[in-house]
Amino acid sequence: MLFLVLFTMAVLFAVALARWPALGGPKLTNSAASPPAGDPPTRATTLEGALTAQLVRGEINRAQYQRALERLAAREAEKHPLSAPEKGDPSAGA
């Protein structure tokens, strides 16, 4: 019985820690991961990178990000379609 109570408390504590930023708690930042104050942020070199940057900055929401990536994938598939090897093709492998 004591084990069950301790386990339940541990799970609740873990959930509280996981939800802490969403509840308005202090933001924990890794100072080593953030760029120095004097350096300008690097610009995205790909469309995926630009979309991710917009998502992180809050300029687009998750649904818009997913739709944009779907359209990007469809456009890429149209430009560079994948082809399956013909049956019996010796270069197809096993």
PDB file of N, CA and C in Angstrom:
ATOM      1  N   MET A   1       0.824  -1.187   0.000  1.00  0.00           N
ATOM      2  CA  MET A   1       0.000   0.000   0.000  1.00  0.00           C
ATOM      3  C   MET A   1       0.870   1.253   0.000  1.00  0.00           C
ATOM      4  N   LEU A   2       1.924   1.257   0.807  1.00  0.00           N
ATOM      5  CA  LEU A   2       2.837   2.387   0.851  1.00  0.00           C
ATOM      6  C   LEU A   2       3.512   2.582  -0.502  1.00  0.00           C
ATOM      7  N   PHE A   3       3.870   1.483  -1.155  1.00  0.00           N
ATOM      8  CA  PHE A   3       4.487   1.564  -2.478  1.00  0.00           C
ATOM      9  C   PHE A   3       3.547   2.245  -3.467  1.00  0.00           C
ATOM     10  N   LEU A   4       2.277   1.907  -3.430  1.00  0.00           N
ATOM     11  CA  LEU A   4       1.296   2.488  -4.340  1.00  0.00           C
ATOM     12  C   LEU A   4       1.167   3.996  -4.112  1.00  0.00           C
ATOM     13  N   VAL A   5       1.154   4.420  -2.876  1.00  0.00           N
ATOM     14  CA  VAL A   5       1.058   5.845  -2.559  1.00  0.00           C
ATOM     15  C   VAL A   5       2.303   6.580  -3.043  1.00  0.00           C
ATOM     16  N   LEU A   6       3.479   6.008  -2.771  1.00  0.00           N
ATOM     17  CA  LEU A   6       4.727   6.642  -3.213  1.00  0.00           C
ATOM     18  C   LEU A   6       4.819   6.683  -4.733  1.00  0.00           C
ATOM     19  N   PHE A   7       4.404   5.619  -5.392  1.00  0.00           N
ATOM     20  CA  PHE A   7       4.428   5.576  -6.847  1.00  0.00           C
ATOM     21  C   PHE A   7       3.491   6.628  -7.431  1.00  0.00           C
ATOM     22  N   THR A   8       2.286   6.761  -6.863  1.00  0.00           N
ATOM     23  CA  THR A   8       1.326   7.757  -7.322  1.00  0.00           C
ATOM     24  C   THR A   8       1.875   9.160  -7.141  1.00  0.00           C
ATOM     25  N   MET A   9       2.519   9.421  -6.030  1.00  0.00           N
ATOM     26  CA  MET A   9       3.115  10.739  -5.786  1.00  0.00           C
ATOM     27  C   MET A   9       4.232  11.017  -6.779  1.00  0.00           C
ATOM     28  N   ALA A  10       5.035  10.012  -7.079  1.00  0.00           N
ATOM     29  CA  ALA A  10       6.126  10.186  -8.037  1.00  0.00           C
ATOM     30  C   ALA A  10       5.579  10.492  -9.429  1.00  0.00           C
ATOM     31  N   VAL A  11       4.528   9.812  -9.836  1.00  0.00           N
ATOM     32  CA  VAL A  11       3.923  10.058 -11.141  1.00  0.00           C
ATOM     33  C   VAL A  11       3.333  11.461 -11.194  1.00  0.00           C
ATOM     34  N   LEU A  12       2.635  11.868 -10.168  1.00  0.00           N
ATOM     35  CA  LEU A  12       2.070  13.217 -10.132  1.00  0.00           C
ATOM     36  C   LEU A  12       3.160  14.282 -10.168  1.00  0.00           C
ATOM     37  N   PHE A  13       4.251  14.034  -9.475  1.00  0.00           N
ATOM     38  CA  PHE A  13       5.374  14.975  -9.479  1.00  0.00           C
ATOM     39  C   PHE A  13       5.973  15.070 -10.882  1.00  0.00           C
ATOM     40  N   ALA A  14       6.125  13.936 -11.559  1.00  0.00           N
ATOM     41  CA  ALA A  14       6.682  13.927 -12.918  1.00  0.00           C
ATOM     42  C   ALA A  14       5.761  14.670 -13.887  1.00  0.00           C
ATOM     43  N   VAL A  15       4.458  14.477 -13.754  1.00  0.00           N
ATOM     44  CA  VAL A  15       3.501  15.175 -14.611  1.00  0.00           C
ATOM     45  C   VAL A  15       3.553  16.675 -14.336  1.00  0.00           C
ATOM     46  N   ALA A  16       3.644  17.049 -13.090  1.00  0.00           N
ATOM     47  CA  ALA A  16       3.716  18.473 -12.738  1.00  0.00           C
ATOM     48  C   ALA A  16       4.971  19.108 -13.326  1.00  0.00           C
ATOM     49  N   LEU A  17       6.098  18.405 -13.275  1.00  0.00           N
ATOM     50  CA  LEU A  17       7.322  18.946 -13.859  1.00  0.00           C
ATOM     51  C   LEU A  17       7.212  19.056 -15.370  1.00  0.00           C
ATOM     52  N   ALA A  18       6.579  18.089 -15.998  1.00  0.00           N
ATOM     53  CA  ALA A  18       6.438  18.122 -17.448  1.00  0.00           C
ATOM     54  C   ALA A  18       5.519  19.255 -17.885  1.00  0.00           C
ATOM     55  N   ARG A  19       4.506  19.561 -17.107  1.00  0.00           N
ATOM     56  CA  ARG A  19       3.544  20.600 -17.452  1.00  0.00           C
ATOM     57  C   ARG A  19       3.913  21.973 -16.904  1.00  0.00           C
ATOM     58  N   TRP A  20       4.983  22.089 -16.155  1.00  0.00           N
ATOM     59  CA  TRP A  20       5.356  23.343 -15.492  1.00  0.00           C
ATOM     60  C   TRP A  20       5.423  24.525 -16.462  1.00  0.00           C
ATOM     61  N   PRO A  21       6.111  24.448 -17.615  1.00  0.00           N
ATOM     62  CA  PRO A  21       6.143  25.609 -18.514  1.00  0.00           C
ATOM     63  C   PRO A  21       4.756  25.977 -19.038  1.00  0.00           C
ATOM     64  N   ALA A  22       3.895  25.007 -19.279  1.00  0.00           N
ATOM     65  CA  ALA A  22       2.554  25.296 -19.781  1.00  0.00           C
ATOM     66  C   ALA A  22       1.688  25.964 -18.719  1.00  0.00           C
ATOM     67  N   LEU A  23       2.020  25.765 -17.478  1.00  0.00           N
ATOM     68  CA  LEU A  23       1.251  26.356 -16.391  1.00  0.00           C
ATOM     69  C   LEU A  23       1.740  27.749 -16.021  1.00  0.00           C
ATOM     70  N   GLY A  24       2.725  28.266 -16.761  1.00  0.00           N
ATOM     71  CA  GLY A  24       3.215  29.607 -16.515  1.00  0.00           C
ATOM     72  C   GLY A  24       4.363  29.658 -15.530  1.00  0.00           C
ATOM     73  N   GLY A  25       5.001  28.553 -15.298  1.00  0.00           N
ATOM     74  CA  GLY A  25       6.143  28.520 -14.400  1.00  0.00           C
ATOM     75  C   GLY A  25       7.360  29.141 -15.058  1.00  0.00           C
ATOM     76  N   PRO A  26       8.452  29.235 -14.328  1.00  0.00           N
ATOM     77  CA  PRO A  26       9.650  29.849 -14.893  1.00  0.00           C
ATOM     78  C   PRO A  26      10.201  29.006 -16.036  1.00  0.00           C
ATOM     79  N   LYS A  27      10.716  29.683 -17.040  1.00  0.00           N
ATOM     80  CA  LYS A  27      11.289  29.007 -18.194  1.00  0.00           C
ATOM     81  C   LYS A  27      12.740  28.669 -17.878  1.00  0.00           C
ATOM     82  N   LEU A  28      13.081  27.405 -18.070  1.00  0.00           N
ATOM     83  CA  LEU A  28      14.448  26.973 -17.876  1.00  0.00           C
ATOM     84  C   LEU A  28      15.155  27.047 -19.217  1.00  0.00           C
ATOM     85  N   THR A  29      16.250  27.769 -19.285  1.00  0.00           N
ATOM     86  CA  THR A  29      16.988  27.885 -20.533  1.00  0.00           C
ATOM     87  C   THR A  29      18.401  27.396 -20.325  1.00  0.00           C
ATOM     88  N   ASN A  30      18.944  26.881 -21.371  1.00  0.00           N
ATOM     89  CA  ASN A  30      20.319  26.424 -21.353  1.00  0.00           C
ATOM     90  C   ASN A  30      21.158  27.547 -21.942  1.00  0.00           C
ATOM     91  N   SER A  31      21.932  28.232 -21.122  1.00  0.00           N
ATOM     92  CA  SER A  31      22.694  29.377 -21.586  1.00  0.00           C
ATOM     93  C   SER A  31      23.762  28.968 -22.583  1.00  0.00           C
ATOM     94  N   ALA A  32      24.244  27.734 -22.528  1.00  0.00           N
ATOM     95  CA  ALA A  32      25.252  27.286 -23.483  1.00  0.00           C
ATOM     96  C   ALA A  32      24.641  27.101 -24.870  1.00  0.00           C
ATOM     97  N   ALA A  33      23.362  26.784 -24.954  1.00  0.00           N
ATOM     98  CA  ALA A  33      22.722  26.554 -26.241  1.00  0.00           C
ATOM     99  C   ALA A  33      22.291  27.853 -26.904  1.00  0.00           C
ATOM    100  N   SER A  34      22.100  28.910 -26.143  1.00  0.00           N
ATOM    101  CA  SER A  34      21.658  30.165 -26.736  1.00  0.00           C
ATOM    102  C   SER A  34      22.860  30.917 -27.303  1.00  0.00           C
ATOM    103  N   PRO A  35      22.648  31.596 -28.452  1.00  0.00           N
ATOM    104  CA  PRO A  35      23.761  32.316 -29.057  1.00  0.00           C
ATOM    105  C   PRO A  35      24.145  33.529 -28.225  1.00  0.00           C
ATOM    106  N   PRO A  36      25.373  33.994 -28.346  1.00  0.00           N
ATOM    107  CA  PRO A  36      25.785  35.194 -27.620  1.00  0.00           C
ATOM    108  C   PRO A  36      24.945  36.392 -28.055  1.00  0.00           C
ATOM    109  N   ALA A  37      24.843  37.380 -27.174  1.00  0.00           N
ATOM    110  CA  ALA A  37      23.967  38.520 -27.417  1.00  0.00           C
ATOM    111  C   ALA A  37      24.392  39.327 -28.633  1.00  0.00           C
ATOM    112  N   GLY A  38      25.676  39.385 -28.963  1.00  0.00           N
ATOM    113  CA  GLY A  38      26.156  40.190 -30.073  1.00  0.00           C
ATOM    114  C   GLY A  38      25.947  39.553 -31.427  1.00  0.00           C
ATOM    115  N   ASP A  39      25.799  38.234 -31.501  1.00  0.00           N
ATOM    116  CA  ASP A  39      25.663  37.553 -32.789  1.00  0.00           C
ATOM    117  C   ASP A  39      24.223  37.596 -33.268  1.00  0.00           C
ATOM    118  N   PRO A  40      24.010  37.965 -34.536  1.00  0.00           N
ATOM    119  CA  PRO A  40      22.646  37.925 -35.058  1.00  0.00           C
ATOM    120  C   PRO A  40      22.218  36.478 -35.276  1.00  0.00           C
ATOM    121  N   PRO A  41      20.935  36.188 -35.169  1.00  0.00           N
ATOM    122  CA  PRO A  41      20.475  34.815 -35.384  1.00  0.00           C
ATOM    123  C   PRO A  41      20.697  34.411 -36.838  1.00  0.00           C
ATOM    124  N   THR A  42      21.019  33.151 -37.053  1.00  0.00           N
ATOM    125  CA  THR A  42      21.243  32.670 -38.404  1.00  0.00           C
ATOM    126  C   THR A  42      19.908  32.517 -39.122  1.00  0.00           C
ATOM    127  N   ARG A  43      19.926  32.731 -40.416  1.00  0.00           N
ATOM    128  CA  ARG A  43      18.716  32.618 -41.214  1.00  0.00           C
ATOM    129  C   ARG A  43      18.584  31.196 -41.728  1.00  0.00           C
ATOM    130  N   ALA A  44      17.359  30.768 -41.901  1.00  0.00           N
ATOM    131  CA  ALA A  44      17.093  29.429 -42.410  1.00  0.00           C
ATOM    132  C   ALA A  44      17.512  29.363 -43.880  1.00  0.00           C
ATOM    133  N   THR A  45      18.135  28.256 -44.265  1.00  0.00           N
ATOM    134  CA  THR A  45      18.582  28.104 -45.639  1.00  0.00           C
ATOM    135  C   THR A  45      17.647  27.222 -46.453  1.00  0.00           C
ATOM    136  N   THR A  46      16.685  26.585 -45.813  1.00  0.00           N
ATOM    137  CA  THR A  46      15.721  25.745 -46.517  1.00  0.00           C
ATOM    138  C   THR A  46      14.319  26.192 -46.160  1.00  0.00           C
ATOM    139  N   LEU A  47      13.374  25.775 -46.981  1.00  0.00           N
ATOM    140  CA  LEU A  47      11.978  26.113 -46.697  1.00  0.00           C
ATOM    141  C   LEU A  47      11.512  25.450 -45.402  1.00  0.00           C
ATOM    142  N   GLU A  48      11.968  24.218 -45.170  1.00  0.00           N
ATOM    143  CA  GLU A  48      11.616  23.537 -43.925  1.00  0.00           C
ATOM    144  C   GLU A  48      12.144  24.313 -42.718  1.00  0.00           C
ATOM    145  N   GLY A  49      13.359  24.823 -42.836  1.00  0.00           N
ATOM    146  CA  GLY A  49      13.943  25.602 -41.755  1.00  0.00           C
ATOM    147  C   GLY A  49      13.188  26.900 -41.507  1.00  0.00           C
ATOM    148  N   ALA A  50      12.773  27.551 -42.591  1.00  0.00           N
ATOM    149  CA  ALA A  50      12.007  28.791 -42.449  1.00  0.00           C
ATOM    150  C   ALA A  50      10.663  28.528 -41.792  1.00  0.00           C
ATOM    151  N   LEU A  51      10.012  27.428 -42.190  1.00  0.00           N
ATOM    152  CA  LEU A  51       8.731  27.085 -41.569  1.00  0.00           C
ATOM    153  C   LEU A  51       8.901  26.765 -40.090  1.00  0.00           C
ATOM    154  N   THR A  52       9.963  26.036 -39.759  1.00  0.00           N
ATOM    155  CA  THR A  52      10.225  25.707 -38.364  1.00  0.00           C
ATOM    156  C   THR A  52      10.490  26.966 -37.552  1.00  0.00           C
ATOM    157  N   ALA A  53      11.258  27.890 -38.121  1.00  0.00           N
ATOM    158  CA  ALA A  53      11.528  29.144 -37.421  1.00  0.00           C
ATOM    159  C   ALA A  53      10.243  29.925 -37.181  1.00  0.00           C
ATOM    160  N   GLN A  54       9.346  29.948 -38.168  1.00  0.00           N
ATOM    161  CA  GLN A  54       8.059  30.630 -37.996  1.00  0.00           C
ATOM    162  C   GLN A  54       7.234  29.963 -36.906  1.00  0.00           C
ATOM    163  N   LEU A  55       7.271  28.635 -36.866  1.00  0.00           N
ATOM    164  CA  LEU A  55       6.519  27.913 -35.840  1.00  0.00           C
ATOM    165  C   LEU A  55       7.061  28.230 -34.455  1.00  0.00           C
ATOM    166  N   VAL A  56       8.378  28.244 -34.315  1.00  0.00           N
ATOM    167  CA  VAL A  56       8.998  28.512 -33.012  1.00  0.00           C
ATOM    168  C   VAL A  56       8.710  29.944 -32.561  1.00  0.00           C
ATOM    169  N   ARG A  57       8.725  30.890 -33.509  1.00  0.00           N
ATOM    170  CA  ARG A  57       8.451  32.290 -33.159  1.00  0.00           C
ATOM    171  C   ARG A  57       6.974  32.554 -32.921  1.00  0.00           C
ATOM    172  N   GLY A  58       6.114  31.595 -33.257  1.00  0.00           N
ATOM    173  CA  GLY A  58       4.685  31.766 -33.042  1.00  0.00           C
ATOM    174  C   GLY A  58       3.982  32.496 -34.169  1.00  0.00           C
ATOM    175  N   GLU A  59       4.646  32.658 -35.313  1.00  0.00           N
ATOM    176  CA  GLU A  59       4.027  33.339 -36.447  1.00  0.00           C
ATOM    177  C   GLU A  59       2.984  32.461 -37.124  1.00  0.00           C
ATOM    178  N   ILE A  60       3.171  31.140 -37.058  1.00  0.00           N
ATOM    179  CA  ILE A  60       2.192  30.196 -37.584  1.00  0.00           C
ATOM    180  C   ILE A  60       1.897  29.181 -36.493  1.00  0.00           C
ATOM    181  N   ASN A  61       0.719  28.564 -36.582  1.00  0.00           N
ATOM    182  CA  ASN A  61       0.383  27.557 -35.584  1.00  0.00           C
ATOM    183  C   ASN A  61       0.729  26.166 -36.115  1.00  0.00           C
ATOM    184  N   ARG A  62       0.499  25.157 -35.304  1.00  0.00           N
ATOM    185  CA  ARG A  62       0.891  23.800 -35.656  1.00  0.00           C
ATOM    186  C   ARG A  62       0.148  23.289 -36.890  1.00  0.00           C
ATOM    187  N   ALA A  63      -1.133  23.597 -36.997  1.00  0.00           N
ATOM    188  CA  ALA A  63      -1.918  23.138 -38.151  1.00  0.00           C
ATOM    189  C   ALA A  63      -1.410  23.779 -39.441  1.00  0.00           C
ATOM    190  N   GLN A  64      -1.083  25.072 -39.395  1.00  0.00           N
ATOM    191  CA  GLN A  64      -0.546  25.737 -40.577  1.00  0.00           C
ATOM    192  C   GLN A  64       0.798  25.143 -40.973  1.00  0.00           C
ATOM    193  N   TYR A  65       1.623  24.847 -39.977  1.00  0.00           N
ATOM    194  CA  TYR A  65       2.936  24.236 -40.221  1.00  0.00           C
ATOM    195  C   TYR A  65       2.770  22.875 -40.895  1.00  0.00           C
ATOM    196  N   GLN A  66       1.849  22.063 -40.381  1.00  0.00           N
ATOM    197  CA  GLN A  66       1.641  20.736 -40.957  1.00  0.00           C
ATOM    198  C   GLN A  66       1.104  20.826 -42.384  1.00  0.00           C
ATOM    199  N   ARG A  67       0.164  21.744 -42.640  1.00  0.00           N
ATOM    200  CA  ARG A  67      -0.360  21.907 -43.998  1.00  0.00           C
ATOM    201  C   ARG A  67       0.734  22.360 -44.956  1.00  0.00           C
ATOM    202  N   ALA A  68       1.575  23.270 -44.510  1.00  0.00           N
ATOM    203  CA  ALA A  68       2.661  23.752 -45.367  1.00  0.00           C
ATOM    204  C   ALA A  68       3.640  22.624 -45.689  1.00  0.00           C
ATOM    205  N   LEU A  69       3.953  21.798 -44.704  1.00  0.00           N
ATOM    206  CA  LEU A  69       4.847  20.670 -44.964  1.00  0.00           C
ATOM    207  C   LEU A  69       4.200  19.641 -45.875  1.00  0.00           C
ATOM    208  N   GLU A  70       2.887  19.428 -45.748  1.00  0.00           N
ATOM    209  CA  GLU A  70       2.185  18.515 -46.650  1.00  0.00           C
ATOM    210  C   GLU A  70       2.258  19.022 -48.085  1.00  0.00           C
ATOM    211  N   ARG A  71       2.020  20.326 -48.282  1.00  0.00           N
ATOM    212  CA  ARG A  71       2.098  20.890 -49.629  1.00  0.00           C
ATOM    213  C   ARG A  71       3.520  20.806 -50.176  1.00  0.00           C
ATOM    214  N   LEU A  72       4.487  21.043 -49.313  1.00  0.00           N
ATOM    215  CA  LEU A  72       5.886  20.957 -49.725  1.00  0.00           C
ATOM    216  C   LEU A  72       6.243  19.528 -50.136  1.00  0.00           C
ATOM    217  N   ALA A  73       5.780  18.548 -49.367  1.00  0.00           N
ATOM    218  CA  ALA A  73       6.055  17.147 -49.695  1.00  0.00           C
ATOM    219  C   ALA A  73       5.376  16.751 -50.998  1.00  0.00           C
ATOM    220  N   ALA A  74       4.150  17.225 -51.215  1.00  0.00           N
ATOM    221  CA  ALA A  74       3.436  16.911 -52.455  1.00  0.00           C
ATOM    222  C   ALA A  74       4.151  17.523 -53.651  1.00  0.00           C
ATOM    223  N   ARG A  75       4.612  18.753 -53.499  1.00  0.00           N
ATOM    224  CA  ARG A  75       5.337  19.413 -54.591  1.00  0.00           C
ATOM    225  C   ARG A  75       6.639  18.682 -54.890  1.00  0.00           C
ATOM    226  N   GLU A  76       7.332  18.268 -53.842  1.00  0.00           N
ATOM    227  CA  GLU A  76       8.582  17.531 -54.009  1.00  0.00           C
ATOM    228  C   GLU A  76       8.336  16.174 -54.671  1.00  0.00           C
ATOM    229  N   ALA A  77       7.264  15.502 -54.300  1.00  0.00           N
ATOM    230  CA  ALA A  77       6.940  14.208 -54.902  1.00  0.00           C
ATOM    231  C   ALA A  77       6.574  14.367 -56.374  1.00  0.00           C
ATOM    232  N   GLU A  78       5.967  15.501 -56.715  1.00  0.00           N
ATOM    233  CA  GLU A  78       5.618  15.746 -58.109  1.00  0.00           C
ATOM    234  C   GLU A  78       6.875  16.032 -58.936  1.00  0.00           C
ATOM    235  N   LYS A  79       7.812  16.779 -58.375  1.00  0.00           N
ATOM    236  CA  LYS A  79       9.043  17.113 -59.083  1.00  0.00           C
ATOM    237  C   LYS A  79       9.984  15.915 -59.193  1.00  0.00           C
ATOM    238  N   HIS A  80      10.090  15.139 -58.128  1.00  0.00           N
ATOM    239  CA  HIS A  80      11.027  14.011 -58.066  1.00  0.00           C
ATOM    240  C   HIS A  80      10.289  12.765 -57.607  1.00  0.00           C
ATOM    241  N   PRO A  81       9.504  12.140 -58.488  1.00  0.00           N
ATOM    242  CA  PRO A  81       8.753  10.960 -58.055  1.00  0.00           C
ATOM    243  C   PRO A  81       9.672   9.760 -57.800  1.00  0.00           C
ATOM    244  N   LEU A  82       9.292   8.946 -56.848  1.00  0.00           N
ATOM    245  CA  LEU A  82      10.030   7.724 -56.569  1.00  0.00           C
ATOM    246  C   LEU A  82       9.521   6.639 -57.508  1.00  0.00           C
ATOM    247  N   SER A  83      10.423   5.795 -57.939  1.00  0.00           N
ATOM    248  CA  SER A  83      10.003   4.702 -58.813  1.00  0.00           C
ATOM    249  C   SER A  83      10.473   3.389 -58.212  1.00  0.00           C
ATOM    250  N   ALA A  84       9.599   2.418 -58.258  1.00  0.00           N
ATOM    251  CA  ALA A  84       9.930   1.089 -57.755  1.00  0.00           C
ATOM    252  C   ALA A  84      10.589   0.292 -58.878  1.00  0.00           C
ATOM    253  N   PRO A  85      11.558  -0.552 -58.564  1.00  0.00           N
ATOM    254  CA  PRO A  85      12.196  -1.354 -59.606  1.00  0.00           C
ATOM    255  C   PRO A  85      11.219  -2.365 -60.189  1.00  0.00           C
ATOM    256  N   GLU A  86      11.427  -2.685 -61.440  1.00  0.00           N
ATOM    257  CA  GLU A  86      10.581  -3.664 -62.109  1.00  0.00           C
ATOM    258  C   GLU A  86      10.797  -5.043 -61.510  1.00  0.00           C
ATOM    259  N   LYS A  87       9.763  -5.851 -61.530  1.00  0.00           N
ATOM    260  CA  LYS A  87       9.862  -7.211 -61.009  1.00  0.00           C
ATOM    261  C   LYS A  87      10.825  -8.000 -61.886  1.00  0.00           C
ATOM    262  N   GLY A  88      11.751  -8.692 -61.262  1.00  0.00           N
ATOM    263  CA  GLY A  88      12.739  -9.475 -61.978  1.00  0.00           C
ATOM    264  C   GLY A  88      13.986  -8.694 -62.350  1.00  0.00           C
ATOM    265  N   ASP A  89      14.051  -7.427 -61.963  1.00  0.00           N
ATOM    266  CA  ASP A  89      15.229  -6.600 -62.244  1.00  0.00           C
ATOM    267  C   ASP A  89      16.378  -7.066 -61.369  1.00  0.00           C
ATOM    268  N   PRO A  90      17.495  -7.520 -61.949  1.00  0.00           N
ATOM    269  CA  PRO A  90      18.604  -8.023 -61.122  1.00  0.00           C
ATOM    270  C   PRO A  90      19.286  -6.932 -60.295  1.00  0.00           C
ATOM    271  N   SER A  91      19.169  -5.669 -60.695  1.00  0.00           N
ATOM    272  CA  SER A  91      19.819  -4.604 -59.936  1.00  0.00           C
ATOM    273  C   SER A  91      18.992  -4.174 -58.734  1.00  0.00           C
ATOM    274  N   ALA A  92      17.795  -4.762 -58.558  1.00  0.00           N
ATOM    275  CA  ALA A  92      16.901  -4.382 -57.473  1.00  0.00           C
ATOM    276  C   ALA A  92      17.325  -4.966 -56.142  1.00  0.00           C
ATOM    277  N   GLY A  93      18.216  -5.888 -56.128  1.00  0.00           N
ATOM    278  CA  GLY A  93      18.637  -6.490 -54.868  1.00  0.00           C
ATOM    279  C   GLY A  93      17.790  -7.707 -54.552  1.00  0.00           C
ATOM    280  N   ALA A  94      17.800  -8.112 -53.301  1.00  0.00           N
ATOM    281  CA  ALA A  94      17.105  -9.348 -52.920  1.00  0.00           C
ATOM    282  C   ALA A  94      15.669  -9.150 -52.798  1.00  0.00           C
TER     283      ALA A  94
END
